[in-house]
Amino acid sequence: MNKLLFVLLVLTLFSAGCVGNNDSGTTKVVDRTLQESPHIEVIHFHGTNQCYSCQAVGAYAEETVNTYFSDELKSGKLVFKHVNFDLPENKELSQRYGAAYSSLWIGTYTEDGFSAEQDTNVWYKIDDRNAYMSYLSEIITKKLVEVNDQ
């Protein structure tokens, strides 16, 4: 029994870095010095080794943008990326977003500058693909309205 408790404790501690903890579900970073054409980026940051949950967050996010936002992807109003933050070439982008563990971020580029929000709510929806996709598509739609109003 002690061995089982130890395994559960190790698994809990190991997976805690994947999810993070934020009561509001988002963490916002603002950088007014970046000037880009108005668009949003949806980025799945991950490490070299990914657990099932980390893979699901990225796969469902990619499926959501490809299913609901193909026109926006083609026009450049929306950009989707999987970014391995362990690779040196991704260090600058990871730092811009503040990504230190597996996470999903939405970056918004407007005339006012750049802002980024981490969405932790998606982690609670990975057991229901349709709920995940519905939730994320609503968030992206709202962000696209903000960008289009510029």
C-alpha atoms as a PDB file:
ATOM      1  CA  MET A   1       0.000   0.000   0.000  1.00  0.00           C
ATOM      2  CA  ASN A   2       2.844   2.418   0.784  1.00  0.00           C
ATOM      3  CA  LYS A   3       4.288   1.755  -2.657  1.00  0.00           C
ATOM      4  CA  LEU A   4       0.972   2.714  -4.269  1.00  0.00           C
ATOM      5  CA  LEU A   5       0.806   5.971  -2.288  1.00  0.00           C
ATOM      6  CA  PHE A   6       4.359   6.789  -3.314  1.00  0.00           C
ATOM      7  CA  VAL A   7       3.545   6.197  -7.001  1.00  0.00           C
ATOM      8  CA  LEU A   8       0.421   8.360  -6.740  1.00  0.00           C
ATOM      9  CA  LEU A   9       2.390  11.129  -5.036  1.00  0.00           C
ATOM     10  CA  VAL A  10       5.114  11.040  -7.691  1.00  0.00           C
ATOM     11  CA  LEU A  11       2.539  11.093 -10.510  1.00  0.00           C
ATOM     12  CA  THR A  12       0.715  14.005  -8.880  1.00  0.00           C
ATOM     13  CA  LEU A  13       3.902  16.027  -8.482  1.00  0.00           C
ATOM     14  CA  PHE A  14       5.090  15.142 -11.980  1.00  0.00           C
ATOM     15  CA  SER A  15       1.844  16.193 -13.648  1.00  0.00           C
ATOM     16  CA  ALA A  16       1.421  19.368 -11.575  1.00  0.00           C
ATOM     17  CA  GLY A  17       3.862  21.195 -13.833  1.00  0.00           C
ATOM     18  CA  CYS A  18       1.654  20.461 -16.823  1.00  0.00           C
ATOM     19  CA  VAL A  19      -1.404  22.228 -15.519  1.00  0.00           C
ATOM     20  CA  GLY A  20      -0.298  25.125 -13.360  1.00  0.00           C
ATOM     21  CA  ASN A  21      -2.702  26.744 -10.925  1.00  0.00           C
ATOM     22  CA  ASN A  22      -4.542  29.975 -11.512  1.00  0.00           C
ATOM     23  CA  ASP A  23      -7.997  30.648 -10.118  1.00  0.00           C
ATOM     24  CA  SER A  24      -9.115  32.946 -12.940  1.00  0.00           C
ATOM     25  CA  GLY A  25      -8.043  30.571 -15.703  1.00  0.00           C
ATOM     26  CA  THR A  26      -5.886  33.160 -17.447  1.00  0.00           C
ATOM     27  CA  THR A  27      -2.586  34.899 -16.918  1.00  0.00           C
ATOM     28  CA  LYS A  28      -2.110  38.100 -18.889  1.00  0.00           C
ATOM     29  CA  VAL A  29       1.133  39.656 -20.109  1.00  0.00           C
ATOM     30  CA  VAL A  30       1.174  42.998 -21.922  1.00  0.00           C
ATOM     31  CA  ASP A  31       4.021  44.382 -24.032  1.00  0.00           C
ATOM     32  CA  ARG A  32       3.205  47.663 -25.770  1.00  0.00           C
ATOM     33  CA  THR A  33       6.536  47.801 -27.623  1.00  0.00           C
ATOM     34  CA  LEU A  34       5.676  45.091 -30.153  1.00  0.00           C
ATOM     35  CA  GLN A  35       3.961  46.402 -33.274  1.00  0.00           C
ATOM     36  CA  GLU A  36       2.622  43.821 -35.686  1.00  0.00           C
ATOM     37  CA  SER A  37      -0.322  43.738 -38.071  1.00  0.00           C
ATOM     38  CA  PRO A  38      -3.515  43.027 -36.100  1.00  0.00           C
ATOM     39  CA  HIS A  39      -3.906  39.281 -35.577  1.00  0.00           C
ATOM     40  CA  ILE A  40      -4.023  36.643 -32.877  1.00  0.00           C
ATOM     41  CA  GLU A  41      -1.734  33.718 -32.182  1.00  0.00           C
ATOM     42  CA  VAL A  42      -2.823  30.514 -30.498  1.00  0.00           C
ATOM     43  CA  ILE A  43       0.273  28.750 -29.239  1.00  0.00           C
ATOM     44  CA  HIS A  44       0.570  25.380 -27.579  1.00  0.00           C
ATOM     45  CA  PHE A  45       3.818  25.522 -25.616  1.00  0.00           C
ATOM     46  CA  HIS A  46       5.221  22.142 -24.599  1.00  0.00           C
ATOM     47  CA  GLY A  47       8.396  20.416 -23.552  1.00  0.00           C
ATOM     48  CA  THR A  48      10.239  17.709 -25.435  1.00  0.00           C
ATOM     49  CA  ASN A  49       8.496  14.986 -23.412  1.00  0.00           C
ATOM     50  CA  GLN A  50       4.737  15.381 -23.241  1.00  0.00           C
ATOM     51  CA  CYS A  51       2.188  13.498 -21.170  1.00  0.00           C
ATOM     52  CA  TYR A  52      -1.205  12.509 -22.575  1.00  0.00           C
ATOM     53  CA  SER A  53      -2.870  15.668 -21.202  1.00  0.00           C
ATOM     54  CA  CYS A  54      -0.256  17.953 -22.749  1.00  0.00           C
ATOM     55  CA  GLN A  55      -0.666  16.236 -26.099  1.00  0.00           C
ATOM     56  CA  ALA A  56      -4.466  16.490 -25.893  1.00  0.00           C
ATOM     57  CA  VAL A  57      -4.370  20.239 -25.151  1.00  0.00           C
ATOM     58  CA  GLY A  58      -2.274  20.819 -28.273  1.00  0.00           C
ATOM     59  CA  ALA A  59      -4.121  18.412 -30.542  1.00  0.00           C
ATOM     60  CA  TYR A  60      -7.565  19.751 -29.608  1.00  0.00           C
ATOM     61  CA  ALA A  61      -6.400  23.343 -30.017  1.00  0.00           C
ATOM     62  CA  GLU A  62      -5.043  22.575 -33.485  1.00  0.00           C
ATOM     63  CA  GLU A  63      -8.224  20.733 -34.437  1.00  0.00           C
ATOM     64  CA  THR A  64     -10.325  23.662 -33.188  1.00  0.00           C
ATOM     65  CA  VAL A  65      -8.524  26.288 -35.268  1.00  0.00           C
ATOM     66  CA  ASN A  66      -8.466  24.078 -38.366  1.00  0.00           C
ATOM     67  CA  THR A  67     -12.171  23.217 -38.030  1.00  0.00           C
ATOM     68  CA  TYR A  68     -13.635  26.618 -37.173  1.00  0.00           C
ATOM     69  CA  PHE A  69     -11.111  29.182 -38.411  1.00  0.00           C
ATOM     70  CA  SER A  70      -9.674  28.009 -41.724  1.00  0.00           C
ATOM     71  CA  ASP A  71     -10.409  31.362 -43.427  1.00  0.00           C
ATOM     72  CA  GLU A  72      -8.715  33.287 -40.615  1.00  0.00           C
ATOM     73  CA  LEU A  73      -5.710  30.968 -40.786  1.00  0.00           C
ATOM     74  CA  LYS A  74      -5.424  31.524 -44.546  1.00  0.00           C
ATOM     75  CA  SER A  75      -5.718  35.311 -44.214  1.00  0.00           C
ATOM     76  CA  GLY A  76      -3.161  35.546 -41.395  1.00  0.00           C
ATOM     77  CA  LYS A  77      -5.668  36.972 -38.883  1.00  0.00           C
ATOM     78  CA  LEU A  78      -5.059  33.796 -36.864  1.00  0.00           C
ATOM     79  CA  VAL A  79      -1.810  31.881 -36.427  1.00  0.00           C
ATOM     80  CA  PHE A  80      -1.504  28.513 -34.710  1.00  0.00           C
ATOM     81  CA  LYS A  81       1.777  26.989 -33.519  1.00  0.00           C
ATOM     82  CA  HIS A  82       3.098  24.119 -31.449  1.00  0.00           C
ATOM     83  CA  VAL A  83       6.257  25.428 -29.773  1.00  0.00           C
ATOM     84  CA  ASN A  84       8.741  23.278 -27.884  1.00  0.00           C
ATOM     85  CA  PHE A  85      10.059  25.625 -25.178  1.00  0.00           C
ATOM     86  CA  ASP A  86      12.979  23.254 -24.497  1.00  0.00           C
ATOM     87  CA  LEU A  87      14.595  24.144 -27.838  1.00  0.00           C
ATOM     88  CA  PRO A  88      17.027  27.090 -27.843  1.00  0.00           C
ATOM     89  CA  GLU A  89      15.503  28.561 -31.008  1.00  0.00           C
ATOM     90  CA  ASN A  90      12.162  28.967 -29.187  1.00  0.00           C
ATOM     91  CA  LYS A  91      13.566  30.679 -26.098  1.00  0.00           C
ATOM     92  CA  GLU A  92      12.678  34.235 -27.172  1.00  0.00           C
ATOM     93  CA  LEU A  93       9.078  33.373 -28.062  1.00  0.00           C
ATOM     94  CA  SER A  94       8.646  31.385 -24.848  1.00  0.00           C
ATOM     95  CA  GLN A  95       9.957  34.329 -22.838  1.00  0.00           C
ATOM     96  CA  ARG A  96       7.693  36.799 -24.646  1.00  0.00           C
ATOM     97  CA  TYR A  97       4.694  34.735 -23.584  1.00  0.00           C
ATOM     98  CA  GLY A  98       6.065  33.729 -20.199  1.00  0.00           C
ATOM     99  CA  ALA A  99       5.638  30.028 -21.005  1.00  0.00           C
ATOM    100  CA  ALA A 100       7.590  27.892 -18.570  1.00  0.00           C
ATOM    101  CA  TYR A 101       5.570  24.679 -18.768  1.00  0.00           C
ATOM    102  CA  SER A 102       3.067  22.994 -21.049  1.00  0.00           C
ATOM    103  CA  SER A 103       0.361  25.565 -21.687  1.00  0.00           C
ATOM    104  CA  LEU A 104      -1.992  27.159 -24.193  1.00  0.00           C
ATOM    105  CA  TRP A 105      -1.586  30.876 -24.838  1.00  0.00           C
ATOM    106  CA  ILE A 106      -3.473  33.368 -26.964  1.00  0.00           C
ATOM    107  CA  GLY A 107      -1.471  36.369 -28.095  1.00  0.00           C
ATOM    108  CA  THR A 108      -3.275  39.412 -29.443  1.00  0.00           C
ATOM    109  CA  TYR A 109      -1.532  41.947 -31.678  1.00  0.00           C
ATOM    110  CA  THR A 110      -3.426  45.230 -32.052  1.00  0.00           C
ATOM    111  CA  GLU A 111      -2.550  48.862 -32.672  1.00  0.00           C
ATOM    112  CA  ASP A 112      -2.204  49.183 -28.892  1.00  0.00           C
ATOM    113  CA  GLY A 113       0.536  46.522 -28.811  1.00  0.00           C
ATOM    114  CA  PHE A 114       0.796  42.898 -27.785  1.00  0.00           C
ATOM    115  CA  SER A 115      -0.980  41.083 -24.995  1.00  0.00           C
ATOM    116  CA  ALA A 116      -0.888  37.411 -24.105  1.00  0.00           C
ATOM    117  CA  GLU A 117      -3.211  35.318 -22.005  1.00  0.00           C
ATOM    118  CA  GLN A 118      -2.650  31.805 -20.807  1.00  0.00           C
ATOM    119  CA  ASP A 119      -5.835  29.776 -20.794  1.00  0.00           C
ATOM    120  CA  THR A 120      -5.746  27.160 -18.046  1.00  0.00           C
ATOM    121  CA  ASN A 121      -9.434  26.293 -18.395  1.00  0.00           C
ATOM    122  CA  VAL A 122      -8.702  24.059 -21.399  1.00  0.00           C
ATOM    123  CA  TRP A 123      -7.024  21.542 -19.075  1.00  0.00           C
ATOM    124  CA  TYR A 124     -10.361  20.885 -17.400  1.00  0.00           C
ATOM    125  CA  LYS A 125     -12.003  20.117 -20.737  1.00  0.00           C
ATOM    126  CA  ILE A 126      -9.642  17.537 -22.244  1.00  0.00           C
ATOM    127  CA  ASP A 127     -11.946  14.676 -21.265  1.00  0.00           C
ATOM    128  CA  ASP A 128     -14.646  16.096 -23.561  1.00  0.00           C
ATOM    129  CA  ARG A 129     -13.273  16.980 -27.008  1.00  0.00           C
ATOM    130  CA  ASN A 130     -16.495  18.706 -28.128  1.00  0.00           C
ATOM    131  CA  ALA A 131     -16.701  20.849 -24.974  1.00  0.00           C
ATOM    132  CA  TYR A 132     -13.024  21.766 -25.386  1.00  0.00           C
ATOM    133  CA  MET A 133     -13.483  22.781 -28.997  1.00  0.00           C
ATOM    134  CA  SER A 134     -16.671  24.727 -28.291  1.00  0.00           C
ATOM    135  CA  TYR A 135     -15.047  26.587 -25.398  1.00  0.00           C
ATOM    136  CA  LEU A 136     -11.860  27.446 -27.285  1.00  0.00           C
ATOM    137  CA  SER A 137     -13.710  28.514 -30.439  1.00  0.00           C
ATOM    138  CA  GLU A 138     -15.735  30.995 -28.340  1.00  0.00           C
ATOM    139  CA  ILE A 139     -12.556  32.450 -26.841  1.00  0.00           C
ATOM    140  CA  ILE A 140     -10.880  32.756 -30.250  1.00  0.00           C
ATOM    141  CA  THR A 141     -14.008  34.329 -31.784  1.00  0.00           C
ATOM    142  CA  LYS A 142     -14.016  37.005 -29.061  1.00  0.00           C
ATOM    143  CA  LYS A 143     -10.332  37.736 -29.631  1.00  0.00           C
ATOM    144  CA  LEU A 144     -10.843  37.976 -33.401  1.00  0.00           C
ATOM    145  CA  VAL A 145     -13.672  40.491 -32.861  1.00  0.00           C
ATOM    146  CA  GLU A 146     -11.281  42.613 -30.758  1.00  0.00           C
ATOM    147  CA  VAL A 147      -8.664  42.495 -33.523  1.00  0.00           C
ATOM    148  CA  ASN A 148     -11.181  43.226 -36.292  1.00  0.00           C
ATOM    149  CA  ASP A 149     -12.506  46.239 -34.377  1.00  0.00           C
ATOM    150  CA  GLN A 150      -9.057  47.850 -34.677  1.00  0.00           C
END
